[in-house]
Amino acid sequence: MHALSLPTWWIHITSVLEWVAAMAAVQRLARVRGEGAWRWLALAMLPALVSAMCACTWHLFDNPAQLRGLVVLQAALTTAGNGALALAAWHILRRQRAATGTASAPGAAGGTGG
């Protein structure tokens, strides 16, 4: 008997494939809009993808103690990935504000609100 059921495997695998598709979509958006800042977002998605692959690998071998390092690596990559995504989103926001000359977020004091 394996650690994960077939429906759980289905969710794991489709989630990884969905993440890859999202990365490709963000890359395409960057190319179509000609905004390189979006490419950084796609790149920032990579640690989360590798983290998911670590989890799938650990489960594939039925969660052995010998591969417990994958769990630590997954946690580290998840943390790094979340930070990278936050920085990439902040970079996009800064670039868009610079392009439009906006100093504050919509709804903030002095912003357009709405």
PDB file of N, CA and C in Angstrom:
ATOM      1  N   MET A   1       0.847  -1.183   0.000  1.00  0.00           N
ATOM      2  CA  MET A   1       0.000   0.000   0.000  1.00  0.00           C
ATOM      3  C   MET A   1       0.892   1.246   0.000  1.00  0.00           C
ATOM      4  N   HIS A   2       0.530   2.206  -0.801  1.00  0.00           N
ATOM      5  CA  HIS A   2       1.313   3.428  -0.920  1.00  0.00           C
ATOM      6  C   HIS A   2       0.789   4.507   0.029  1.00  0.00           C
ATOM      7  N   ALA A   3       1.663   5.498   0.270  1.00  0.00           N
ATOM      8  CA  ALA A   3       1.338   6.577   1.219  1.00  0.00           C
ATOM      9  C   ALA A   3       0.167   7.440   0.737  1.00  0.00           C
ATOM     10  N   LEU A   4       0.041   7.598  -0.569  1.00  0.00           N
ATOM     11  CA  LEU A   4      -1.014   8.462  -1.111  1.00  0.00           C
ATOM     12  C   LEU A   4      -1.986   7.655  -1.958  1.00  0.00           C
ATOM     13  N   SER A   5      -3.247   8.055  -1.907  1.00  0.00           N
ATOM     14  CA  SER A   5      -4.262   7.413  -2.737  1.00  0.00           C
ATOM     15  C   SER A   5      -4.176   7.945  -4.165  1.00  0.00           C
ATOM     16  N   LEU A   6      -4.806   7.266  -5.075  1.00  0.00           N
ATOM     17  CA  LEU A   6      -4.805   7.697  -6.473  1.00  0.00           C
ATOM     18  C   LEU A   6      -5.399   9.096  -6.642  1.00  0.00           C
ATOM     19  N   PRO A   7      -6.529   9.416  -5.996  1.00  0.00           N
ATOM     20  CA  PRO A   7      -7.044  10.795  -6.124  1.00  0.00           C
ATOM     21  C   PRO A   7      -6.069  11.849  -5.591  1.00  0.00           C
ATOM     22  N   THR A   8      -5.355  11.525  -4.518  1.00  0.00           N
ATOM     23  CA  THR A   8      -4.381  12.476  -3.989  1.00  0.00           C
ATOM     24  C   THR A   8      -3.232  12.655  -4.965  1.00  0.00           C
ATOM     25  N   TRP A   9      -2.779  11.556  -5.585  1.00  0.00           N
ATOM     26  CA  TRP A   9      -1.740  11.671  -6.615  1.00  0.00           C
ATOM     27  C   TRP A   9      -2.225  12.539  -7.760  1.00  0.00           C
ATOM     28  N   TRP A  10      -3.469  12.360  -8.149  1.00  0.00           N
ATOM     29  CA  TRP A  10      -4.042  13.149  -9.247  1.00  0.00           C
ATOM     30  C   TRP A  10      -3.957  14.640  -8.913  1.00  0.00           C
ATOM     31  N   ILE A  11      -4.297  14.993  -7.702  1.00  0.00           N
ATOM     32  CA  ILE A  11      -4.241  16.397  -7.285  1.00  0.00           C
ATOM     33  C   ILE A  11      -2.797  16.903  -7.298  1.00  0.00           C
ATOM     34  N   HIS A  12      -1.867  16.108  -6.777  1.00  0.00           N
ATOM     35  CA  HIS A  12      -0.457  16.508  -6.763  1.00  0.00           C
ATOM     36  C   HIS A  12       0.059  16.748  -8.187  1.00  0.00           C
ATOM     37  N   ILE A  13      -0.188  15.798  -9.052  1.00  0.00           N
ATOM     38  CA  ILE A  13       0.350  15.883 -10.419  1.00  0.00           C
ATOM     39  C   ILE A  13      -0.298  17.022 -11.193  1.00  0.00           C
ATOM     40  N   THR A  14      -1.600  17.157 -11.101  1.00  0.00           N
ATOM     41  CA  THR A  14      -2.259  18.244 -11.843  1.00  0.00           C
ATOM     42  C   THR A  14      -1.881  19.614 -11.276  1.00  0.00           C
ATOM     43  N   SER A  15      -1.615  19.686  -9.987  1.00  0.00           N
ATOM     44  CA  SER A  15      -1.169  20.962  -9.406  1.00  0.00           C
ATOM     45  C   SER A  15       0.191  21.370  -9.963  1.00  0.00           C
ATOM     46  N   VAL A  16       1.093  20.408 -10.090  1.00  0.00           N
ATOM     47  CA  VAL A  16       2.412  20.699 -10.663  1.00  0.00           C
ATOM     48  C   VAL A  16       2.255  21.133 -12.121  1.00  0.00           C
ATOM     49  N   LEU A  17       1.433  20.415 -12.875  1.00  0.00           N
ATOM     50  CA  LEU A  17       1.218  20.776 -14.285  1.00  0.00           C
ATOM     51  C   LEU A  17       0.556  22.143 -14.415  1.00  0.00           C
ATOM     52  N   GLU A  18      -0.368  22.435 -13.526  1.00  0.00           N
ATOM     53  CA  GLU A  18      -1.034  23.742 -13.530  1.00  0.00           C
ATOM     54  C   GLU A  18      -0.026  24.859 -13.237  1.00  0.00           C
ATOM     55  N   TRP A  19       0.902  24.616 -12.323  1.00  0.00           N
ATOM     56  CA  TRP A  19       1.915  25.612 -11.993  1.00  0.00           C
ATOM     57  C   TRP A  19       2.827  25.861 -13.194  1.00  0.00           C
ATOM     58  N   VAL A  20       3.196  24.790 -13.896  1.00  0.00           N
ATOM     59  CA  VAL A  20       4.023  24.934 -15.101  1.00  0.00           C
ATOM     60  C   VAL A  20       3.265  25.750 -16.154  1.00  0.00           C
ATOM     61  N   ALA A  21       1.982  25.463 -16.313  1.00  0.00           N
ATOM     62  CA  ALA A  21       1.166  26.213 -17.275  1.00  0.00           C
ATOM     63  C   ALA A  21       1.075  27.688 -16.870  1.00  0.00           C
ATOM     64  N   ALA A  22       0.952  27.961 -15.575  1.00  0.00           N
ATOM     65  CA  ALA A  22       0.899  29.350 -15.101  1.00  0.00           C
ATOM     66  C   ALA A  22       2.222  30.067 -15.380  1.00  0.00           C
ATOM     67  N   MET A  23       3.337  29.371 -15.177  1.00  0.00           N
ATOM     68  CA  MET A  23       4.638  29.970 -15.475  1.00  0.00           C
ATOM     69  C   MET A  23       4.751  30.312 -16.957  1.00  0.00           C
ATOM     70  N   ALA A  24       4.287  29.401 -17.808  1.00  0.00           N
ATOM     71  CA  ALA A  24       4.324  29.645 -19.256  1.00  0.00           C
ATOM     72  C   ALA A  24       3.414  30.819 -19.623  1.00  0.00           C
ATOM     73  N   ALA A  25       2.251  30.904 -18.983  1.00  0.00           N
ATOM     74  CA  ALA A  25       1.323  32.003 -19.260  1.00  0.00           C
ATOM     75  C   ALA A  25       1.921  33.352 -18.859  1.00  0.00           C
ATOM     76  N   VAL A  26       2.598  33.389 -17.727  1.00  0.00           N
ATOM     77  CA  VAL A  26       3.230  34.635 -17.281  1.00  0.00           C
ATOM     78  C   VAL A  26       4.351  35.021 -18.247  1.00  0.00           C
ATOM     79  N   GLN A  27       5.127  34.039 -18.696  1.00  0.00           N
ATOM     80  CA  GLN A  27       6.181  34.315 -19.684  1.00  0.00           C
ATOM     81  C   GLN A  27       5.573  34.886 -20.966  1.00  0.00           C
ATOM     82  N   ARG A  28       4.473  34.288 -21.398  1.00  0.00           N
ATOM     83  CA  ARG A  28       3.807  34.771 -22.621  1.00  0.00           C
ATOM     84  C   ARG A  28       3.282  36.193 -22.427  1.00  0.00           C
ATOM     85  N   LEU A  29       2.707  36.458 -21.275  1.00  0.00           N
ATOM     86  CA  LEU A  29       2.224  37.803 -20.963  1.00  0.00           C
ATOM     87  C   LEU A  29       3.368  38.804 -21.035  1.00  0.00           C
ATOM     88  N   ALA A  30       4.513  38.429 -20.485  1.00  0.00           N
ATOM     89  CA  ALA A  30       5.681  39.316 -20.514  1.00  0.00           C
ATOM     90  C   ALA A  30       6.094  39.608 -21.950  1.00  0.00           C
ATOM     91  N   ARG A  31       6.078  38.592 -22.779  1.00  0.00           N
ATOM     92  CA  ARG A  31       6.478  38.760 -24.182  1.00  0.00           C
ATOM     93  C   ARG A  31       5.471  39.612 -24.942  1.00  0.00           C
ATOM     94  N   VAL A  32       4.187  39.332 -24.772  1.00  0.00           N
ATOM     95  CA  VAL A  32       3.133  40.054 -25.487  1.00  0.00           C
ATOM     96  C   VAL A  32       3.095  41.528 -25.080  1.00  0.00           C
ATOM     97  N   ARG A  33       3.218  41.785 -23.792  1.00  0.00           N
ATOM     98  CA  ARG A  33       3.161  43.162 -23.294  1.00  0.00           C
ATOM     99  C   ARG A  33       4.493  43.885 -23.407  1.00  0.00           C
ATOM    100  N   GLY A  34       5.551  43.110 -23.654  1.00  0.00           N
ATOM    101  CA  GLY A  34       6.870  43.722 -23.741  1.00  0.00           C
ATOM    102  C   GLY A  34       7.342  44.274 -22.405  1.00  0.00           C
ATOM    103  N   GLU A  35       6.911  43.643 -21.338  1.00  0.00           N
ATOM    104  CA  GLU A  35       7.270  44.088 -19.986  1.00  0.00           C
ATOM    105  C   GLU A  35       8.114  43.011 -19.316  1.00  0.00           C
ATOM    106  N   GLY A  36       9.410  43.260 -19.272  1.00  0.00           N
ATOM    107  CA  GLY A  36      10.339  42.292 -18.720  1.00  0.00           C
ATOM    108  C   GLY A  36      10.141  41.996 -17.247  1.00  0.00           C
ATOM    109  N   ALA A  37       9.513  42.905 -16.525  1.00  0.00           N
ATOM    110  CA  ALA A  37       9.301  42.688 -15.090  1.00  0.00           C
ATOM    111  C   ALA A  37       8.468  41.438 -14.849  1.00  0.00           C
ATOM    112  N   TRP A  38       7.576  41.113 -15.775  1.00  0.00           N
ATOM    113  CA  TRP A  38       6.752  39.914 -15.629  1.00  0.00           C
ATOM    114  C   TRP A  38       7.580  38.643 -15.776  1.00  0.00           C
ATOM    115  N   ARG A  39       8.678  38.718 -16.518  1.00  0.00           N
ATOM    116  CA  ARG A  39       9.551  37.549 -16.636  1.00  0.00           C
ATOM    117  C   ARG A  39      10.142  37.192 -15.272  1.00  0.00           C
ATOM    118  N   TRP A  40      10.426  38.222 -14.462  1.00  0.00           N
ATOM    119  CA  TRP A  40      10.934  37.967 -13.120  1.00  0.00           C
ATOM    120  C   TRP A  40       9.905  37.220 -12.286  1.00  0.00           C
ATOM    121  N   LEU A  41       8.626  37.512 -12.506  1.00  0.00           N
ATOM    122  CA  LEU A  41       7.584  36.794 -11.775  1.00  0.00           C
ATOM    123  C   LEU A  41       7.598  35.314 -12.151  1.00  0.00           C
ATOM    124  N   ALA A  42       7.715  35.022 -13.440  1.00  0.00           N
ATOM    125  CA  ALA A  42       7.766  33.628 -13.880  1.00  0.00           C
ATOM    126  C   ALA A  42       8.989  32.925 -13.291  1.00  0.00           C
ATOM    127  N   LEU A  43      10.109  33.613 -13.260  1.00  0.00           N
ATOM    128  CA  LEU A  43      11.320  33.036 -12.681  1.00  0.00           C
ATOM    129  C   LEU A  43      11.144  32.825 -11.175  1.00  0.00           C
ATOM    130  N   ALA A  44      10.458  33.739 -10.522  1.00  0.00           N
ATOM    131  CA  ALA A  44      10.224  33.631  -9.080  1.00  0.00           C
ATOM    132  C   ALA A  44       9.296  32.462  -8.744  1.00  0.00           C
ATOM    133  N   MET A  45       8.571  31.965  -9.725  1.00  0.00           N
ATOM    134  CA  MET A  45       7.689  30.822  -9.522  1.00  0.00           C
ATOM    135  C   MET A  45       8.460  29.503  -9.495  1.00  0.00           C
ATOM    136  N   LEU A  46       9.684  29.517  -9.952  1.00  0.00           N
ATOM    137  CA  LEU A  46      10.483  28.298 -10.063  1.00  0.00           C
ATOM    138  C   LEU A  46      10.747  27.601  -8.721  1.00  0.00           C
ATOM    139  N   PRO A  47      11.122  28.306  -7.648  1.00  0.00           N
ATOM    140  CA  PRO A  47      11.343  27.591  -6.380  1.00  0.00           C
ATOM    141  C   PRO A  47      10.112  26.832  -5.888  1.00  0.00           C
ATOM    142  N   ALA A  48       8.931  27.382  -6.094  1.00  0.00           N
ATOM    143  CA  ALA A  48       7.710  26.681  -5.682  1.00  0.00           C
ATOM    144  C   ALA A  48       7.498  25.414  -6.510  1.00  0.00           C
ATOM    145  N   LEU A  49       7.860  25.473  -7.788  1.00  0.00           N
ATOM    146  CA  LEU A  49       7.745  24.289  -8.639  1.00  0.00           C
ATOM    147  C   LEU A  49       8.696  23.196  -8.157  1.00  0.00           C
ATOM    148  N   VAL A  50       9.927  23.555  -7.875  1.00  0.00           N
ATOM    149  CA  VAL A  50      10.903  22.570  -7.398  1.00  0.00           C
ATOM    150  C   VAL A  50      10.472  22.038  -6.029  1.00  0.00           C
ATOM    151  N   SER A  51       9.909  22.898  -5.206  1.00  0.00           N
ATOM    152  CA  SER A  51       9.392  22.466  -3.909  1.00  0.00           C
ATOM    153  C   SER A  51       8.310  21.393  -4.087  1.00  0.00           C
ATOM    154  N   ALA A  52       7.414  21.619  -5.007  1.00  0.00           N
ATOM    155  CA  ALA A  52       6.353  20.643  -5.276  1.00  0.00           C
ATOM    156  C   ALA A  52       6.940  19.331  -5.793  1.00  0.00           C
ATOM    157  N   MET A  53       7.966  19.429  -6.600  1.00  0.00           N
ATOM    158  CA  MET A  53       8.613  18.216  -7.115  1.00  0.00           C
ATOM    159  C   MET A  53       9.312  17.448  -5.992  1.00  0.00           C
ATOM    160  N   CYS A  54       9.859  18.158  -5.014  1.00  0.00           N
ATOM    161  CA  CYS A  54      10.449  17.494  -3.847  1.00  0.00           C
ATOM    162  C   CYS A  54       9.381  16.705  -3.097  1.00  0.00           C
ATOM    163  N   ALA A  55       8.226  17.324  -2.898  1.00  0.00           N
ATOM    164  CA  ALA A  55       7.131  16.645  -2.197  1.00  0.00           C
ATOM    165  C   ALA A  55       6.678  15.409  -2.969  1.00  0.00           C
ATOM    166  N   CYS A  56       6.516  15.556  -4.263  1.00  0.00           N
ATOM    167  CA  CYS A  56       6.072  14.421  -5.077  1.00  0.00           C
ATOM    168  C   CYS A  56       7.103  13.291  -5.058  1.00  0.00           C
ATOM    169  N   THR A  57       8.372  13.646  -5.106  1.00  0.00           N
ATOM    170  CA  THR A  57       9.429  12.629  -5.066  1.00  0.00           C
ATOM    171  C   THR A  57       9.410  11.890  -3.734  1.00  0.00           C
ATOM    172  N   TRP A  58       9.270  12.631  -2.644  1.00  0.00           N
ATOM    173  CA  TRP A  58       9.234  12.000  -1.327  1.00  0.00           C
ATOM    174  C   TRP A  58       8.053  11.044  -1.227  1.00  0.00           C
ATOM    175  N   HIS A  59       6.887  11.477  -1.711  1.00  0.00           N
ATOM    176  CA  HIS A  59       5.700  10.620  -1.682  1.00  0.00           C
ATOM    177  C   HIS A  59       5.835   9.432  -2.629  1.00  0.00           C
ATOM    178  N   LEU A  60       6.492   9.633  -3.758  1.00  0.00           N
ATOM    179  CA  LEU A  60       6.668   8.549  -4.728  1.00  0.00           C
ATOM    180  C   LEU A  60       7.376   7.352  -4.093  1.00  0.00           C
ATOM    181  N   PHE A  61       8.317   7.638  -3.219  1.00  0.00           N
ATOM    182  CA  PHE A  61       9.058   6.575  -2.541  1.00  0.00           C
ATOM    183  C   PHE A  61       8.467   6.240  -1.172  1.00  0.00           C
ATOM    184  N   ASP A  62       7.217   6.591  -0.959  1.00  0.00           N
ATOM    185  CA  ASP A  62       6.452   6.285   0.252  1.00  0.00           C
ATOM    186  C   ASP A  62       7.042   6.885   1.528  1.00  0.00           C
ATOM    187  N   ASN A  63       7.503   8.120   1.430  1.00  0.00           N
ATOM    188  CA  ASN A  63       7.926   8.909   2.589  1.00  0.00           C
ATOM    189  C   ASN A  63       9.000   8.241   3.458  1.00  0.00           C
ATOM    190  N   PRO A  64      10.084   7.771   2.855  1.00  0.00           N
ATOM    191  CA  PRO A  64      11.102   7.084   3.671  1.00  0.00           C
ATOM    192  C   PRO A  64      11.927   8.074   4.501  1.00  0.00           C
ATOM    193  N   ALA A  65      12.387   7.596   5.640  1.00  0.00           N
ATOM    194  CA  ALA A  65      13.212   8.428   6.522  1.00  0.00           C
ATOM    195  C   ALA A  65      14.512   8.833   5.830  1.00  0.00           C
ATOM    196  N   GLN A  66      15.011   7.993   4.927  1.00  0.00           N
ATOM    197  CA  GLN A  66      16.260   8.290   4.226  1.00  0.00           C
ATOM    198  C   GLN A  66      16.141   9.527   3.336  1.00  0.00           C
ATOM    199  N   LEU A  67      14.943   9.860   2.919  1.00  0.00           N
ATOM    200  CA  LEU A  67      14.721  11.021   2.051  1.00  0.00           C
ATOM    201  C   LEU A  67      14.118  12.208   2.807  1.00  0.00           C
ATOM    202  N   ARG A  68      14.197  12.188   4.123  1.00  0.00           N
ATOM    203  CA  ARG A  68      13.621  13.268   4.912  1.00  0.00           C
ATOM    204  C   ARG A  68      14.237  14.623   4.564  1.00  0.00           C
ATOM    205  N   GLY A  69      15.448  14.618   4.025  1.00  0.00           N
ATOM    206  CA  GLY A  69      16.084  15.857   3.582  1.00  0.00           C
ATOM    207  C   GLY A  69      15.270  16.571   2.515  1.00  0.00           C
ATOM    208  N   LEU A  70      14.493  15.801   1.745  1.00  0.00           N
ATOM    209  CA  LEU A  70      13.620  16.425   0.740  1.00  0.00           C
ATOM    210  C   LEU A  70      12.558  17.300   1.389  1.00  0.00           C
ATOM    211  N   VAL A  71      12.113  16.901   2.571  1.00  0.00           N
ATOM    212  CA  VAL A  71      11.104  17.689   3.284  1.00  0.00           C
ATOM    213  C   VAL A  71      11.707  19.029   3.720  1.00  0.00           C
ATOM    214  N   VAL A  72      12.949  18.974   4.200  1.00  0.00           N
ATOM    215  CA  VAL A  72      13.639  20.196   4.606  1.00  0.00           C
ATOM    216  C   VAL A  72      13.875  21.086   3.386  1.00  0.00           C
ATOM    217  N   LEU A  73      14.312  20.472   2.279  1.00  0.00           N
ATOM    218  CA  LEU A  73      14.527  21.224   1.043  1.00  0.00           C
ATOM    219  C   LEU A  73      13.225  21.835   0.552  1.00  0.00           C
ATOM    220  N   GLN A  74      12.144  21.081   0.642  1.00  0.00           N
ATOM    221  CA  GLN A  74      10.834  21.599   0.224  1.00  0.00           C
ATOM    222  C   GLN A  74      10.455  22.823   1.050  1.00  0.00           C
ATOM    223  N   ALA A  75      10.654  22.742   2.358  1.00  0.00           N
ATOM    224  CA  ALA A  75      10.317  23.872   3.226  1.00  0.00           C
ATOM    225  C   ALA A  75      11.160  25.096   2.881  1.00  0.00           C
ATOM    226  N   ALA A  76      12.440  24.875   2.661  1.00  0.00           N
ATOM    227  CA  ALA A  76      13.334  25.989   2.323  1.00  0.00           C
ATOM    228  C   ALA A  76      12.940  26.611   0.986  1.00  0.00           C
ATOM    229  N   LEU A  77      12.622  25.768   0.012  1.00  0.00           N
ATOM    230  CA  LEU A  77      12.237  26.282  -1.302  1.00  0.00           C
ATOM    231  C   LEU A  77      10.892  27.006  -1.258  1.00  0.00           C
ATOM    232  N   THR A  78       9.993  26.520  -0.436  1.00  0.00           N
ATOM    233  CA  THR A  78       8.703  27.201  -0.283  1.00  0.00           C
ATOM    234  C   THR A  78       8.915  28.594   0.311  1.00  0.00           C
ATOM    235  N   THR A  79       9.747  28.686   1.339  1.00  0.00           N
ATOM    236  CA  THR A  79      10.045  29.977   1.954  1.00  0.00           C
ATOM    237  C   THR A  79      10.725  30.907   0.956  1.00  0.00           C
ATOM    238  N   ALA A  80      11.757  30.391   0.282  1.00  0.00           N
ATOM    239  CA  ALA A  80      12.472  31.205  -0.707  1.00  0.00           C
ATOM    240  C   ALA A  80      11.544  31.608  -1.846  1.00  0.00           C
ATOM    241  N   GLY A  81      10.698  30.693  -2.286  1.00  0.00           N
ATOM    242  CA  GLY A  81       9.769  30.983  -3.376  1.00  0.00           C
ATOM    243  C   GLY A  81       8.756  32.050  -3.010  1.00  0.00           C
ATOM    244  N   ASN A  82       8.241  31.986  -1.783  1.00  0.00           N
ATOM    245  CA  ASN A  82       7.288  33.011  -1.345  1.00  0.00           C
ATOM    246  C   ASN A  82       7.949  34.379  -1.311  1.00  0.00           C
ATOM    247  N   GLY A  83       9.175  34.420  -0.816  1.00  0.00           N
ATOM    248  CA  GLY A  83       9.913  35.685  -0.804  1.00  0.00           C
ATOM    249  C   GLY A  83      10.190  36.191  -2.212  1.00  0.00           C
ATOM    250  N   ALA A  84      10.583  35.277  -3.100  1.00  0.00           N
ATOM    251  CA  ALA A  84      10.862  35.658  -4.488  1.00  0.00           C
ATOM    252  C   ALA A  84       9.606  36.179  -5.177  1.00  0.00           C
ATOM    253  N   LEU A  85       8.478  35.536  -4.933  1.00  0.00           N
ATOM    254  CA  LEU A  85       7.225  35.997  -5.537  1.00  0.00           C
ATOM    255  C   LEU A  85       6.837  37.380  -5.012  1.00  0.00           C
ATOM    256  N   ALA A  86       7.033  37.604  -3.723  1.00  0.00           N
ATOM    257  CA  ALA A  86       6.724  38.919  -3.157  1.00  0.00           C
ATOM    258  C   ALA A  86       7.622  39.991  -3.777  1.00  0.00           C
ATOM    259  N   LEU A  87       8.911  39.700  -3.907  1.00  0.00           N
ATOM    260  CA  LEU A  87       9.829  40.666  -4.516  1.00  0.00           C
ATOM    261  C   LEU A  87       9.491  40.918  -5.982  1.00  0.00           C
ATOM    262  N   ALA A  88       9.141  39.862  -6.704  1.00  0.00           N
ATOM    263  CA  ALA A  88       8.792  40.027  -8.119  1.00  0.00           C
ATOM    264  C   ALA A  88       7.521  40.873  -8.266  1.00  0.00           C
ATOM    265  N   ALA A  89       6.541  40.636  -7.412  1.00  0.00           N
ATOM    266  CA  ALA A  89       5.308  41.427  -7.461  1.00  0.00           C
ATOM    267  C   ALA A  89       5.598  42.889  -7.122  1.00  0.00           C
ATOM    268  N   TRP A  90       6.444  43.119  -6.134  1.00  0.00           N
ATOM    269  CA  TRP A  90       6.836  44.485  -5.764  1.00  0.00           C
ATOM    270  C   TRP A  90       7.564  45.158  -6.920  1.00  0.00           C
ATOM    271  N   HIS A  91       8.416  44.405  -7.605  1.00  0.00           N
ATOM    272  CA  HIS A  91       9.145  44.939  -8.759  1.00  0.00           C
ATOM    273  C   HIS A  91       8.169  45.342  -9.879  1.00  0.00           C
ATOM    274  N   ILE A  92       7.176  44.504 -10.130  1.00  0.00           N
ATOM    275  CA  ILE A  92       6.166  44.823 -11.146  1.00  0.00           C
ATOM    276  C   ILE A  92       5.415  46.099 -10.747  1.00  0.00           C
ATOM    277  N   LEU A  93       5.021  46.180  -9.492  1.00  0.00           N
ATOM    278  CA  LEU A  93       4.303  47.363  -9.013  1.00  0.00           C
ATOM    279  C   LEU A  93       5.144  48.628  -9.187  1.00  0.00           C
ATOM    280  N   ARG A  94       6.406  48.559  -8.794  1.00  0.00           N
ATOM    281  CA  ARG A  94       7.300  49.721  -8.949  1.00  0.00           C
ATOM    282  C   ARG A  94       7.433  50.124 -10.407  1.00  0.00           C
ATOM    283  N   ARG A  95       7.603  49.155 -11.292  1.00  0.00           N
ATOM    284  CA  ARG A  95       7.751  49.457 -12.722  1.00  0.00           C
ATOM    285  C   ARG A  95       6.484  50.087 -13.281  1.00  0.00           C
ATOM    286  N   GLN A  96       5.330  49.559 -12.882  1.00  0.00           N
ATOM    287  CA  GLN A  96       4.076  50.116 -13.383  1.00  0.00           C
ATOM    288  C   GLN A  96       3.825  51.515 -12.836  1.00  0.00           C
ATOM    289  N   ARG A  97       4.169  51.741 -11.581  1.00  0.00           N
ATOM    290  CA  ARG A  97       4.026  53.091 -11.020  1.00  0.00           C
ATOM    291  C   ARG A  97       4.964  54.066 -11.712  1.00  0.00           C
ATOM    292  N   ALA A  98       6.183  53.627 -12.001  1.00  0.00           N
ATOM    293  CA  ALA A  98       7.139  54.495 -12.688  1.00  0.00           C
ATOM    294  C   ALA A  98       6.659  54.812 -14.099  1.00  0.00           C
ATOM    295  N   ALA A  99       6.049  53.844 -14.762  1.00  0.00           N
ATOM    296  CA  ALA A  99       5.570  54.045 -16.128  1.00  0.00           C
ATOM    297  C   ALA A  99       4.386  55.006 -16.183  1.00  0.00           C
ATOM    298  N   THR A 100       3.557  54.977 -15.141  1.00  0.00           N
ATOM    299  CA  THR A 100       2.375  55.839 -15.137  1.00  0.00           C
ATOM    300  C   THR A 100       2.587  57.119 -14.335  1.00  0.00           C
ATOM    301  N   GLY A 101       3.701  57.199 -13.624  1.00  0.00           N
ATOM    302  CA  GLY A 101       3.974  58.387 -12.795  1.00  0.00           C
ATOM    303  C   GLY A 101       3.158  58.402 -11.532  1.00  0.00           C
ATOM    304  N   THR A 102       2.630  57.262 -11.125  1.00  0.00           N
ATOM    305  CA  THR A 102       1.822  57.174  -9.915  1.00  0.00           C
ATOM    306  C   THR A 102       2.718  56.905  -8.720  1.00  0.00           C
ATOM    307  N   ALA A 103       2.526  57.703  -7.663  1.00  0.00           N
ATOM    308  CA  ALA A 103       3.361  57.542  -6.479  1.00  0.00           C
ATOM    309  C   ALA A 103       2.669  56.723  -5.412  1.00  0.00           C
ATOM    310  N   SER A 104       1.334  56.647  -5.440  1.00  0.00           N
ATOM    311  CA  SER A 104       0.632  55.914  -4.397  1.00  0.00           C
ATOM    312  C   SER A 104      -0.340  54.923  -5.030  1.00  0.00           C
ATOM    313  N   ALA A 105      -0.714  53.948  -4.235  1.00  0.00           N
ATOM    314  CA  ALA A 105      -1.634  52.908  -4.697  1.00  0.00           C
ATOM    315  C   ALA A 105      -3.038  53.485  -4.826  1.00  0.00           C
ATOM    316  N   PRO A 106      -3.870  52.900  -5.705  1.00  0.00           N
ATOM    317  CA  PRO A 106      -5.259  53.346  -5.795  1.00  0.00           C
ATOM    318  C   PRO A 106      -5.939  53.199  -4.450  1.00  0.00           C
ATOM    319  N   GLY A 107      -6.697  54.183  -4.075  1.00  0.00           N
ATOM    320  CA  GLY A 107      -7.414  54.161  -2.808  1.00  0.00           C
ATOM    321  C   GLY A 107      -6.629  54.769  -1.666  1.00  0.00           C
ATOM    322  N   ALA A 108      -5.326  54.950  -1.848  1.00  0.00           N
ATOM    323  CA  ALA A 108      -4.507  55.557  -0.794  1.00  0.00           C
ATOM    324  C   ALA A 108      -4.681  57.066  -0.857  1.00  0.00           C
ATOM    325  N   ALA A 109      -4.242  57.725   0.173  1.00  0.00           N
ATOM    326  CA  ALA A 109      -4.325  59.197   0.204  1.00  0.00           C
ATOM    327  C   ALA A 109      -3.618  59.771  -1.002  1.00  0.00           C
ATOM    328  N   GLY A 110      -4.292  60.566  -1.750  1.00  0.00           N
ATOM    329  CA  GLY A 110      -3.712  61.166  -2.956  1.00  0.00           C
ATOM    330  C   GLY A 110      -3.894  60.299  -4.178  1.00  0.00           C
ATOM    331  N   GLY A 111      -4.394  59.052  -3.992  1.00  0.00           N
ATOM    332  CA  GLY A 111      -4.626  58.146  -5.131  1.00  0.00           C
ATOM    333  C   GLY A 111      -5.965  58.439  -5.779  1.00  0.00           C
ATOM    334  N   THR A 112      -6.262  57.719  -6.822  1.00  0.00           N
ATOM    335  CA  THR A 112      -7.495  57.949  -7.558  1.00  0.00           C
ATOM    336  C   THR A 112      -8.682  57.283  -6.921  1.00  0.00           C
ATOM    337  N   GLY A 113      -8.449  56.212  -6.103  1.00  0.00           N
ATOM    338  CA  GLY A 113      -9.560  55.525  -5.444  1.00  0.00           C
ATOM    339  C   GLY A 113     -10.469  54.841  -6.444  1.00  0.00           C
ATOM    340  N   GLY A 114     -11.423  54.108  -5.910  1.00  0.00           N
ATOM    341  CA  GLY A 114     -12.383  53.543  -6.822  1.00  0.00           C
ATOM    342  C   GLY A 114     -12.680  52.207  -6.636  1.00  0.00           C
TER     343      GLY A 114
END
